[in-house]
């Protein structure tokens, strides 16, 4: 029985998938490094679906050309007002408020 690509998508259209997401703090924000790779069964001959699912194709085979890899970097930078907001607690520490002066209370003498 020959398996069509539509039938194979029930078990997955990619074989030997590998993906990763790494994050790191950089000077002015956060950076995400993302990677996804695998063998796209849509680029494989239908009679080779099960062979590619079981084991990655050899480097020089025609099915090896179905390997796809995507890499991306996403940098999220802080807005220009974030450093200003972070200065508020520092200002509270360096410029403490003046102590509250209590009003003098006079006692009235009753006759």
C-alpha atoms as a PDB file:
ATOM      1  CA  UNK A   1       0.000   0.000   0.000  1.00  0.00           C
ATOM      2  CA  UNK A   2       1.367   3.381  -0.971  1.00  0.00           C
ATOM      3  CA  UNK A   3       1.100   6.099   1.623  1.00  0.00           C
ATOM      4  CA  UNK A   4       0.287   9.581   0.391  1.00  0.00           C
ATOM      5  CA  UNK A   5       1.613  12.730   2.022  1.00  0.00           C
ATOM      6  CA  UNK A   6      -1.859  13.635   3.307  1.00  0.00           C
ATOM      7  CA  UNK A   7      -2.118  10.258   5.050  1.00  0.00           C
ATOM      8  CA  UNK A   8       1.366  10.653   6.503  1.00  0.00           C
ATOM      9  CA  UNK A   9       0.578  13.997   8.147  1.00  0.00           C
ATOM     10  CA  UNK A  10      -1.511  12.149  10.711  1.00  0.00           C
ATOM     11  CA  UNK A  11       1.753  10.824  12.156  1.00  0.00           C
ATOM     12  CA  UNK A  12       3.715  13.983  11.379  1.00  0.00           C
ATOM     13  CA  UNK A  13       5.049  15.710   8.313  1.00  0.00           C
ATOM     14  CA  UNK A  14       8.520  16.080   9.836  1.00  0.00           C
ATOM     15  CA  UNK A  15      10.932  13.355  10.859  1.00  0.00           C
ATOM     16  CA  UNK A  16      13.840  13.547  13.314  1.00  0.00           C
ATOM     17  CA  UNK A  17      12.870  16.999  14.544  1.00  0.00           C
ATOM     18  CA  UNK A  18      15.219  18.985  16.725  1.00  0.00           C
ATOM     19  CA  UNK A  19      14.395  22.345  18.254  1.00  0.00           C
ATOM     20  CA  UNK A  20      15.838  24.601  20.895  1.00  0.00           C
ATOM     21  CA  UNK A  21      15.175  27.985  22.441  1.00  0.00           C
ATOM     22  CA  UNK A  22      17.880  29.700  24.479  1.00  0.00           C
ATOM     23  CA  UNK A  23      17.562  33.045  26.183  1.00  0.00           C
ATOM     24  CA  UNK A  24      20.196  35.346  27.557  1.00  0.00           C
ATOM     25  CA  UNK A  25      20.312  38.762  29.138  1.00  0.00           C
ATOM     26  CA  UNK A  26      22.168  41.351  27.091  1.00  0.00           C
ATOM     27  CA  UNK A  27      23.115  44.892  28.048  1.00  0.00           C
ATOM     28  CA  UNK A  28      19.836  46.569  27.064  1.00  0.00           C
ATOM     29  CA  UNK A  29      17.372  43.694  26.947  1.00  0.00           C
ATOM     30  CA  UNK A  30      16.849  39.976  26.374  1.00  0.00           C
ATOM     31  CA  UNK A  31      17.941  37.877  23.393  1.00  0.00           C
ATOM     32  CA  UNK A  32      16.282  34.625  22.276  1.00  0.00           C
ATOM     33  CA  UNK A  33      18.122  32.202  19.984  1.00  0.00           C
ATOM     34  CA  UNK A  34      15.765  29.723  18.340  1.00  0.00           C
ATOM     35  CA  UNK A  35      16.494  26.740  16.095  1.00  0.00           C
ATOM     36  CA  UNK A  36      14.335  24.095  14.396  1.00  0.00           C
ATOM     37  CA  UNK A  37      15.535  21.326  12.090  1.00  0.00           C
ATOM     38  CA  UNK A  38      14.283  18.063  10.656  1.00  0.00           C
ATOM     39  CA  UNK A  39      13.481  16.145   7.504  1.00  0.00           C
ATOM     40  CA  UNK A  40      10.427  17.454   5.643  1.00  0.00           C
ATOM     41  CA  UNK A  41       8.471  14.435   4.428  1.00  0.00           C
ATOM     42  CA  UNK A  42       6.776  16.602   1.805  1.00  0.00           C
ATOM     43  CA  UNK A  43      10.138  16.630  -0.010  1.00  0.00           C
ATOM     44  CA  UNK A  44      10.568  12.829   0.186  1.00  0.00           C
ATOM     45  CA  UNK A  45       9.276  10.295  -2.314  1.00  0.00           C
ATOM     46  CA  UNK A  46       6.136   8.586  -0.910  1.00  0.00           C
ATOM     47  CA  UNK A  47       7.727   5.123  -0.976  1.00  0.00           C
ATOM     48  CA  UNK A  48      10.540   6.378   1.289  1.00  0.00           C
ATOM     49  CA  UNK A  49       8.354   7.863   4.076  1.00  0.00           C
ATOM     50  CA  UNK A  50       8.739   4.962   6.489  1.00  0.00           C
ATOM     51  CA  UNK A  51      12.500   4.631   5.866  1.00  0.00           C
ATOM     52  CA  UNK A  52      13.078   8.328   6.607  1.00  0.00           C
ATOM     53  CA  UNK A  53      10.894   8.116   9.733  1.00  0.00           C
ATOM     54  CA  UNK A  54      12.881   5.167  11.081  1.00  0.00           C
ATOM     55  CA  UNK A  55      16.352   6.532  10.428  1.00  0.00           C
ATOM     56  CA  UNK A  56      17.819   9.789   9.086  1.00  0.00           C
ATOM     57  CA  UNK A  57      18.847   9.495   5.419  1.00  0.00           C
ATOM     58  CA  UNK A  58      22.500   9.095   4.575  1.00  0.00           C
ATOM     59  CA  UNK A  59      24.341  12.260   3.597  1.00  0.00           C
ATOM     60  CA  UNK A  60      24.544  11.629  -0.156  1.00  0.00           C
ATOM     61  CA  UNK A  61      21.091  10.083  -0.676  1.00  0.00           C
ATOM     62  CA  UNK A  62      18.302  11.889  -2.536  1.00  0.00           C
ATOM     63  CA  UNK A  63      16.212  12.002   0.661  1.00  0.00           C
ATOM     64  CA  UNK A  64      18.971  13.930   2.473  1.00  0.00           C
ATOM     65  CA  UNK A  65      17.960  17.033   0.499  1.00  0.00           C
ATOM     66  CA  UNK A  66      14.708  17.096   2.503  1.00  0.00           C
ATOM     67  CA  UNK A  67      16.625  18.351   5.567  1.00  0.00           C
ATOM     68  CA  UNK A  68      15.496  21.834   6.605  1.00  0.00           C
ATOM     69  CA  UNK A  69      16.883  24.048   9.344  1.00  0.00           C
ATOM     70  CA  UNK A  70      15.614  27.390  10.599  1.00  0.00           C
ATOM     71  CA  UNK A  71      17.600  29.622  12.923  1.00  0.00           C
ATOM     72  CA  UNK A  72      16.460  32.950  14.289  1.00  0.00           C
ATOM     73  CA  UNK A  73      17.467  35.541  16.851  1.00  0.00           C
ATOM     74  CA  UNK A  74      15.010  37.803  18.604  1.00  0.00           C
ATOM     75  CA  UNK A  75      16.296  40.775  20.581  1.00  0.00           C
ATOM     76  CA  UNK A  76      13.925  42.564  22.913  1.00  0.00           C
ATOM     77  CA  UNK A  77      15.299  45.926  23.973  1.00  0.00           C
ATOM     78  CA  UNK A  78      14.106  47.905  26.939  1.00  0.00           C
ATOM     79  CA  UNK A  79      12.264  51.130  26.200  1.00  0.00           C
ATOM     80  CA  UNK A  80      13.949  54.484  26.671  1.00  0.00           C
ATOM     81  CA  UNK A  81      11.984  55.213  29.876  1.00  0.00           C
ATOM     82  CA  UNK A  82      12.908  52.026  31.779  1.00  0.00           C
ATOM     83  CA  UNK A  83      16.270  53.381  33.044  1.00  0.00           C
ATOM     84  CA  UNK A  84      14.460  56.502  34.288  1.00  0.00           C
ATOM     85  CA  UNK A  85      11.967  54.391  36.214  1.00  0.00           C
ATOM     86  CA  UNK A  86      14.823  52.459  37.806  1.00  0.00           C
ATOM     87  CA  UNK A  87      16.300  55.739  39.067  1.00  0.00           C
ATOM     88  CA  UNK A  88      13.276  56.410  41.318  1.00  0.00           C
ATOM     89  CA  UNK A  89      14.237  53.891  44.044  1.00  0.00           C
ATOM     90  CA  UNK A  90      17.823  55.128  43.839  1.00  0.00           C
ATOM     91  CA  UNK A  91      16.645  58.697  44.343  1.00  0.00           C
ATOM     92  CA  UNK A  92      14.598  57.652  47.380  1.00  0.00           C
ATOM     93  CA  UNK A  93      17.709  56.097  48.873  1.00  0.00           C
ATOM     94  CA  UNK A  94      20.087  58.974  48.099  1.00  0.00           C
ATOM     95  CA  UNK A  95      17.665  61.820  48.821  1.00  0.00           C
ATOM     96  CA  UNK A  96      15.757  60.758  51.913  1.00  0.00           C
ATOM     97  CA  UNK A  97      12.715  62.733  52.948  1.00  0.00           C
ATOM     98  CA  UNK A  98      13.084  65.306  55.713  1.00  0.00           C
ATOM     99  CA  UNK A  99      11.859  64.110  59.089  1.00  0.00           C
ATOM    100  CA  UNK A 100       8.358  65.209  59.892  1.00  0.00           C
ATOM    101  CA  UNK A 101       8.196  68.106  62.338  1.00  0.00           C
ATOM    102  CA  UNK A 102       5.591  67.513  65.005  1.00  0.00           C
ATOM    103  CA  UNK A 103       3.565  70.595  65.935  1.00  0.00           C
ATOM    104  CA  UNK A 104       3.995  71.729  69.499  1.00  0.00           C
ATOM    105  CA  UNK A 105       1.075  71.025  71.725  1.00  0.00           C
ATOM    106  CA  UNK A 106       0.210  73.553  74.411  1.00  0.00           C
ATOM    107  CA  UNK A 107      -1.599  72.569  77.546  1.00  0.00           C
ATOM    108  CA  UNK A 108      -4.384  74.884  78.516  1.00  0.00           C
ATOM    109  CA  UNK A 109      -4.734  75.489  82.191  1.00  0.00           C
ATOM    110  CA  UNK A 110      -8.216  75.441  83.437  1.00  0.00           C
ATOM    111  CA  UNK A 111      -9.253  77.650  86.389  1.00  0.00           C
END
